[in-house]
C-alpha atoms as a PDB file:
ATOM      1  CA  MET A   1      68.099  12.876  53.328  1.00  0.00           C
ATOM      2  CA  ARG A   2      69.836  12.331  56.652  1.00  0.00           C
ATOM      3  CA  ALA A   3      66.768  13.619  58.519  1.00  0.00           C
ATOM      4  CA  SER A   4      64.586  11.230  56.527  1.00  0.00           C
ATOM      5  CA  LEU A   5      66.802   8.302  57.523  1.00  0.00           C
ATOM      6  CA  LEU A   6      66.683   9.318  61.179  1.00  0.00           C
ATOM      7  CA  VAL A   7      62.894   9.566  61.036  1.00  0.00           C
ATOM      8  CA  ARG A   8      62.672   6.055  59.524  1.00  0.00           C
ATOM      9  CA  ILE A   9      64.976   4.612  62.203  1.00  0.00           C
ATOM     10  CA  PHE A  10      62.924   6.354  64.886  1.00  0.00           C
ATOM     11  CA  LEU A  11      59.667   4.941  63.464  1.00  0.00           C
ATOM     12  CA  MET A  12      61.162   1.452  63.222  1.00  0.00           C
ATOM     13  CA  CYS A  13      62.182   1.656  66.892  1.00  0.00           C
ATOM     14  CA  LEU A  14      58.667   2.737  67.857  1.00  0.00           C
ATOM     15  CA  CYS A  15      57.168  -0.183  65.909  1.00  0.00           C
ATOM     16  CA  TRP A  16      59.602  -2.641  67.481  1.00  0.00           C
ATOM     17  CA  GLN A  17      58.833  -1.316  70.951  1.00  0.00           C
ATOM     18  CA  SER A  18      55.094  -1.578  70.282  1.00  0.00           C
ATOM     19  CA  LEU A  19      55.401  -5.160  69.009  1.00  0.00           C
ATOM     20  CA  SER A  20      57.541  -6.121  71.998  1.00  0.00           C
ATOM     21  CA  ALA A  21      54.983  -4.661  74.405  1.00  0.00           C
ATOM     22  CA  GLN A  22      52.154  -6.537  72.654  1.00  0.00           C
ATOM     23  CA  ALA A  23      54.089  -9.810  72.814  1.00  0.00           C
ATOM     24  CA  GLU A  24      54.727  -9.323  76.539  1.00  0.00           C
ATOM     25  CA  SER A  25      51.094  -8.496  77.263  1.00  0.00           C
ATOM     26  CA  THR A  26      49.751 -11.527  75.374  1.00  0.00           C
ATOM     27  CA  SER A  27      52.181 -14.103  76.777  1.00  0.00           C
ATOM     28  CA  PRO A  28      50.864 -15.812  79.894  1.00  0.00           C
ATOM     29  CA  THR A  29      52.468 -15.053  83.221  1.00  0.00           C
ATOM     30  CA  PRO A  30      54.652 -18.020  84.144  1.00  0.00           C
ATOM     31  CA  THR A  31      53.355 -20.128  87.019  1.00  0.00           C
ATOM     32  CA  ILE A  32      54.439 -23.458  88.404  1.00  0.00           C
ATOM     33  CA  PHE A  33      51.846 -25.050  86.123  1.00  0.00           C
ATOM     34  CA  THR A  34      53.354 -23.590  82.948  1.00  0.00           C
ATOM     35  CA  GLN A  35      56.621 -25.401  83.702  1.00  0.00           C
ATOM     36  CA  THR A  36      56.923 -28.366  81.341  1.00  0.00           C
ATOM     37  CA  SER A  37      59.582 -30.311  83.230  1.00  0.00           C
ATOM     38  CA  THR A  38      58.993 -33.846  84.423  1.00  0.00           C
ATOM     39  CA  TRP A  39      59.718 -34.608  88.063  1.00  0.00           C
ATOM     40  CA  ALA A  40      60.327 -37.937  89.833  1.00  0.00           C
ATOM     41  CA  GLU A  41      58.047 -38.381  92.822  1.00  0.00           C
ATOM     42  CA  ASP A  42      59.165 -40.300  95.905  1.00  0.00           C
ATOM     43  CA  ASN A  43      56.812 -43.159  94.960  1.00  0.00           C
ATOM     44  CA  GLY A  44      58.637 -43.535  91.632  1.00  0.00           C
ATOM     45  CA  ASP A  45      55.988 -41.864  89.440  1.00  0.00           C
ATOM     46  CA  SER A  46      56.970 -39.287  86.837  1.00  0.00           C
ATOM     47  CA  VAL A  47      54.803 -36.174  87.173  1.00  0.00           C
ATOM     48  CA  LYS A  48      54.414 -32.645  85.893  1.00  0.00           C
ATOM     49  CA  LEU A  49      53.505 -29.865  88.294  1.00  0.00           C
ATOM     50  CA  SER A  50      50.321 -29.307  86.292  1.00  0.00           C
ATOM     51  CA  LYS A  51      49.047 -32.514  87.955  1.00  0.00           C
ATOM     52  CA  TRP A  52      48.091 -30.293  90.899  1.00  0.00           C
ATOM     53  CA  GLN A  53      46.505 -27.492  88.872  1.00  0.00           C
ATOM     54  CA  GLY A  54      43.207 -26.427  90.410  1.00  0.00           C
ATOM     55  CA  MET A  55      44.303 -27.440  93.905  1.00  0.00           C
ATOM     56  CA  PRO A  56      45.573 -25.197  96.682  1.00  0.00           C
ATOM     57  CA  LEU A  57      49.233 -26.033  97.305  1.00  0.00           C
ATOM     58  CA  ILE A  58      51.996 -25.435  99.771  1.00  0.00           C
ATOM     59  CA  VAL A  59      55.367 -25.584  98.005  1.00  0.00           C
ATOM     60  CA  ALA A  60      58.872 -25.609  99.457  1.00  0.00           C
ATOM     61  CA  MET A  61      62.331 -26.696  98.428  1.00  0.00           C
ATOM     62  CA  ALA A  62      64.646 -28.849 100.534  1.00  0.00           C
ATOM     63  CA  TYR A  63      67.051 -31.734 100.196  1.00  0.00           C
ATOM     64  CA  THR A  64      67.472 -34.949 102.107  1.00  0.00           C
ATOM     65  CA  GLU A  65      70.980 -34.358 103.465  1.00  0.00           C
ATOM     66  CA  CYS A  66      70.318 -30.864 104.848  1.00  0.00           C
ATOM     67  CA  THR A  67      70.542 -30.709 108.622  1.00  0.00           C
ATOM     68  CA  ARG A  68      69.678 -27.071 109.324  1.00  0.00           C
ATOM     69  CA  VAL A  69      67.379 -24.961 107.163  1.00  0.00           C
ATOM     70  CA  CYS A  70      65.426 -27.924 105.794  1.00  0.00           C
ATOM     71  CA  ASN A  71      64.545 -29.027 109.325  1.00  0.00           C
ATOM     72  CA  ALA A  72      63.125 -25.559 110.026  1.00  0.00           C
ATOM     73  CA  THR A  73      61.225 -25.759 106.735  1.00  0.00           C
ATOM     74  CA  LEU A  74      59.857 -29.210 107.600  1.00  0.00           C
ATOM     75  CA  HIS A  75      58.641 -27.998 111.000  1.00  0.00           C
ATOM     76  CA  LYS A  76      56.809 -25.076 109.385  1.00  0.00           C
ATOM     77  CA  LEU A  77      55.268 -27.443 106.813  1.00  0.00           C
ATOM     78  CA  GLU A  78      54.078 -29.750 109.603  1.00  0.00           C
ATOM     79  CA  GLU A  79      52.619 -26.754 111.426  1.00  0.00           C
ATOM     80  CA  ALA A  80      50.821 -25.744 108.211  1.00  0.00           C
ATOM     81  CA  GLN A  81      49.452 -29.294 107.869  1.00  0.00           C
ATOM     82  CA  LEU A  82      48.044 -29.155 111.415  1.00  0.00           C
ATOM     83  CA  GLN A  83      46.472 -25.740 110.884  1.00  0.00           C
ATOM     84  CA  ALA A  84      44.953 -26.871 107.577  1.00  0.00           C
ATOM     85  CA  GLU A  85      43.422 -29.895 109.307  1.00  0.00           C
ATOM     86  CA  GLN A  86      42.024 -27.701 112.088  1.00  0.00           C
ATOM     87  CA  LYS A  87      40.489 -25.351 109.506  1.00  0.00           C
ATOM     88  CA  LYS A  88      39.306 -28.311 107.402  1.00  0.00           C
ATOM     89  CA  ILE A  89      41.283 -27.059 104.391  1.00  0.00           C
ATOM     90  CA  SER A  90      42.447 -29.683 101.925  1.00  0.00           C
ATOM     91  CA  LEU A  91      45.997 -28.938 100.752  1.00  0.00           C
ATOM     92  CA  GLN A  92      48.697 -30.670  98.779  1.00  0.00           C
ATOM     93  CA  PHE A  93      52.278 -30.249 100.009  1.00  0.00           C
ATOM     94  CA  ILE A  94      55.041 -30.358  97.417  1.00  0.00           C
ATOM     95  CA  VAL A  95      58.688 -30.447  98.471  1.00  0.00           C
ATOM     96  CA  ILE A  96      61.162 -30.118  95.608  1.00  0.00           C
ATOM     97  CA  SER A  97      64.796 -31.141  95.882  1.00  0.00           C
ATOM     98  CA  PHE A  98      67.553 -28.555  95.669  1.00  0.00           C
ATOM     99  CA  ASP A  99      70.051 -31.315  94.896  1.00  0.00           C
ATOM    100  CA  PRO A 100      69.120 -33.732  92.098  1.00  0.00           C
ATOM    101  CA  SER A 101      72.611 -35.243  92.251  1.00  0.00           C
ATOM    102  CA  ILE A 102      71.773 -36.732  95.668  1.00  0.00           C
ATOM    103  CA  ASP A 103      67.989 -36.888  95.907  1.00  0.00           C
ATOM    104  CA  ASN A 104      65.927 -39.468  94.055  1.00  0.00           C
ATOM    105  CA  PRO A 105      62.747 -41.448  94.791  1.00  0.00           C
ATOM    106  CA  THR A 106      64.652 -43.839  97.080  1.00  0.00           C
ATOM    107  CA  SER A 107      66.263 -41.111  99.193  1.00  0.00           C
ATOM    108  CA  TRP A 108      62.984 -39.166  99.418  1.00  0.00           C
ATOM    109  CA  SER A 109      61.127 -42.330 100.434  1.00  0.00           C
ATOM    110  CA  TYR A 110      63.677 -42.900 103.195  1.00  0.00           C
ATOM    111  CA  TYR A 111      63.356 -39.227 104.224  1.00  0.00           C
ATOM    112  CA  ARG A 112      59.569 -39.635 104.387  1.00  0.00           C
ATOM    113  CA  LYS A 113      59.948 -42.653 106.699  1.00  0.00           C
ATOM    114  CA  GLN A 114      62.566 -40.962 108.891  1.00  0.00           C
ATOM    115  CA  HIS A 115      60.292 -37.960 109.399  1.00  0.00           C
ATOM    116  CA  HIS A 116      57.143 -40.046 110.005  1.00  0.00           C
ATOM    117  CA  LEU A 117      55.344 -38.805 106.895  1.00  0.00           C
ATOM    118  CA  THR A 118      54.412 -42.167 105.382  1.00  0.00           C
ATOM    119  CA  ASP A 119      50.733 -41.632 106.197  1.00  0.00           C
ATOM    120  CA  ARG A 120      50.632 -38.268 104.407  1.00  0.00           C
ATOM    121  CA  ALA A 121      49.304 -39.011 100.911  1.00  0.00           C
ATOM    122  CA  ASN A 122      48.967 -35.261 100.325  1.00  0.00           C
ATOM    123  CA  TRP A 123      52.747 -34.769 100.662  1.00  0.00           C
ATOM    124  CA  HIS A 124      54.847 -35.154  97.523  1.00  0.00           C
ATOM    125  CA  PHE A 125      58.650 -35.158  97.391  1.00  0.00           C
ATOM    126  CA  LEU A 126      59.977 -34.392  93.911  1.00  0.00           C
ATOM    127  CA  THR A 127      63.335 -34.430  92.137  1.00  0.00           C
ATOM    128  CA  GLY A 128      63.963 -32.936  88.713  1.00  0.00           C
ATOM    129  CA  SER A 129      66.937 -32.131  86.553  1.00  0.00           C
ATOM    130  CA  SER A 130      69.421 -29.461  87.631  1.00  0.00           C
ATOM    131  CA  ALA A 131      68.083 -27.129  84.925  1.00  0.00           C
ATOM    132  CA  SER A 132      64.419 -27.569  85.889  1.00  0.00           C
ATOM    133  CA  THR A 133      65.298 -27.149  89.578  1.00  0.00           C
ATOM    134  CA  LYS A 134      67.100 -23.857  88.909  1.00  0.00           C
ATOM    135  CA  LYS A 135      64.260 -22.588  86.715  1.00  0.00           C
ATOM    136  CA  LEU A 136      61.590 -23.408  89.289  1.00  0.00           C
ATOM    137  CA  ALA A 137      63.628 -21.938  92.158  1.00  0.00           C
ATOM    138  CA  MET A 138      63.920 -18.675  90.218  1.00  0.00           C
ATOM    139  CA  LEU A 139      60.174 -18.636  89.552  1.00  0.00           C
ATOM    140  CA  LEU A 140      59.460 -19.218  93.253  1.00  0.00           C
ATOM    141  CA  GLY A 141      62.003 -16.622  94.398  1.00  0.00           C
ATOM    142  CA  ILE A 142      64.117 -19.202  96.207  1.00  0.00           C
ATOM    143  CA  GLN A 143      67.867 -18.690  96.167  1.00  0.00           C
ATOM    144  CA  TYR A 144      70.411 -21.460  96.519  1.00  0.00           C
ATOM    145  CA  TRP A 145      74.046 -22.069  95.673  1.00  0.00           C
ATOM    146  CA  LEU A 146      76.769 -24.643  96.200  1.00  0.00           C
ATOM    147  CA  ASP A 147      79.466 -24.080  98.808  1.00  0.00           C
ATOM    148  CA  GLU A 148      81.898 -26.925  98.249  1.00  0.00           C
ATOM    149  CA  ASP A 149      79.682 -30.025  98.686  1.00  0.00           C
ATOM    150  CA  HIS A 150      76.918 -28.309 100.646  1.00  0.00           C
ATOM    151  CA  VAL A 151      73.841 -26.632  99.175  1.00  0.00           C
ATOM    152  CA  MET A 152      73.304 -23.265 100.812  1.00  0.00           C
ATOM    153  CA  HIS A 153      69.764 -21.926 100.551  1.00  0.00           C
ATOM    154  CA  ASP A 154      67.164 -19.679 102.028  1.00  0.00           C
ATOM    155  CA  MET A 155      63.932 -20.809 103.642  1.00  0.00           C
ATOM    156  CA  ARG A 156      60.784 -20.031 101.686  1.00  0.00           C
ATOM    157  CA  ILE A 157      57.438 -21.792 101.870  1.00  0.00           C
ATOM    158  CA  LEU A 158      54.842 -20.673  99.358  1.00  0.00           C
ATOM    159  CA  SER A 159      51.080 -20.859  99.314  1.00  0.00           C
ATOM    160  CA  ILE A 160      50.071 -21.371  95.685  1.00  0.00           C
ATOM    161  CA  ASN A 161      46.641 -20.501  94.317  1.00  0.00           C
ATOM    162  CA  PRO A 162      44.776 -23.118  92.238  1.00  0.00           C
ATOM    163  CA  ASP A 163      45.806 -21.181  89.073  1.00  0.00           C
ATOM    164  CA  GLY A 164      49.501 -21.578  89.970  1.00  0.00           C
ATOM    165  CA  SER A 165      50.146 -17.991  91.061  1.00  0.00           C
ATOM    166  CA  ILE A 166      51.861 -17.274  94.366  1.00  0.00           C
ATOM    167  CA  LYS A 167      49.360 -16.229  97.031  1.00  0.00           C
ATOM    168  CA  THR A 168      51.768 -15.624  99.908  1.00  0.00           C
ATOM    169  CA  PHE A 169      54.908 -17.055 101.461  1.00  0.00           C
ATOM    170  CA  LEU A 170      56.859 -17.624 104.639  1.00  0.00           C
ATOM    171  CA  ASP A 171      60.558 -16.875 104.964  1.00  0.00           C
ATOM    172  CA  TRP A 172      62.966 -15.948 107.767  1.00  0.00           C
ATOM    173  CA  ASP A 173      61.269 -12.555 108.162  1.00  0.00           C
ATOM    174  CA  HIS A 174      57.680 -13.792 107.783  1.00  0.00           C
ATOM    175  CA  GLN A 175      57.051 -16.947 109.794  1.00  0.00           C
ATOM    176  CA  ASP A 176      53.381 -16.773 110.744  1.00  0.00           C
ATOM    177  CA  VAL A 177      52.008 -20.022 109.321  1.00  0.00           C
ATOM    178  CA  ALA A 178      48.436 -18.738 109.652  1.00  0.00           C
ATOM    179  CA  SER A 179      49.221 -16.199 106.905  1.00  0.00           C
ATOM    180  CA  LEU A 180      49.331 -19.102 104.428  1.00  0.00           C
ATOM    181  CA  PHE A 181      45.566 -19.474 104.926  1.00  0.00           C
ATOM    182  CA  LYS A 182      44.505 -15.849 104.625  1.00  0.00           C
ATOM    183  CA  PHE A 183      42.378 -15.171 101.602  1.00  0.00           C
ATOM    184  CA  PRO A 184      41.995 -11.748  99.987  1.00  0.00           C
END
């Protein structure tokens, strides 16, 4: 009787494992386009990231009051813009705020003016909720944390395929902007 019970428990575990594996294999891989959050764009529009589905994207995270890493990120983004223009590649640039408590459409609009990006209609500065920001950062592999009143973060710029998957990225160890344009 005890052996029979153990066999049943073993079979139930096998079934559960099989069902779990099937559920994992049928659920879509999360991409930036499967995120359902609404973001505020620097022009005041409310958007979902799926707005850019089907388009090649360059995505980064920054915040308006950062004076170190975000400046390095911005310079790499500007370099990517120039290389895209030289190669005649149409790209959308999306910069997402690390700090929704500070950044909003007004502060991003000011940031755009301060950095001479007002003529760049293909650049989008977004702010979401704290929860959506954390979720997206995790999906993109970007780490950040608060140290007193300052947001500490790594530098990561991602090239996103039109289906929302990550094609490649730049970080402190990989800074060759041309790699953002290499196709398999």
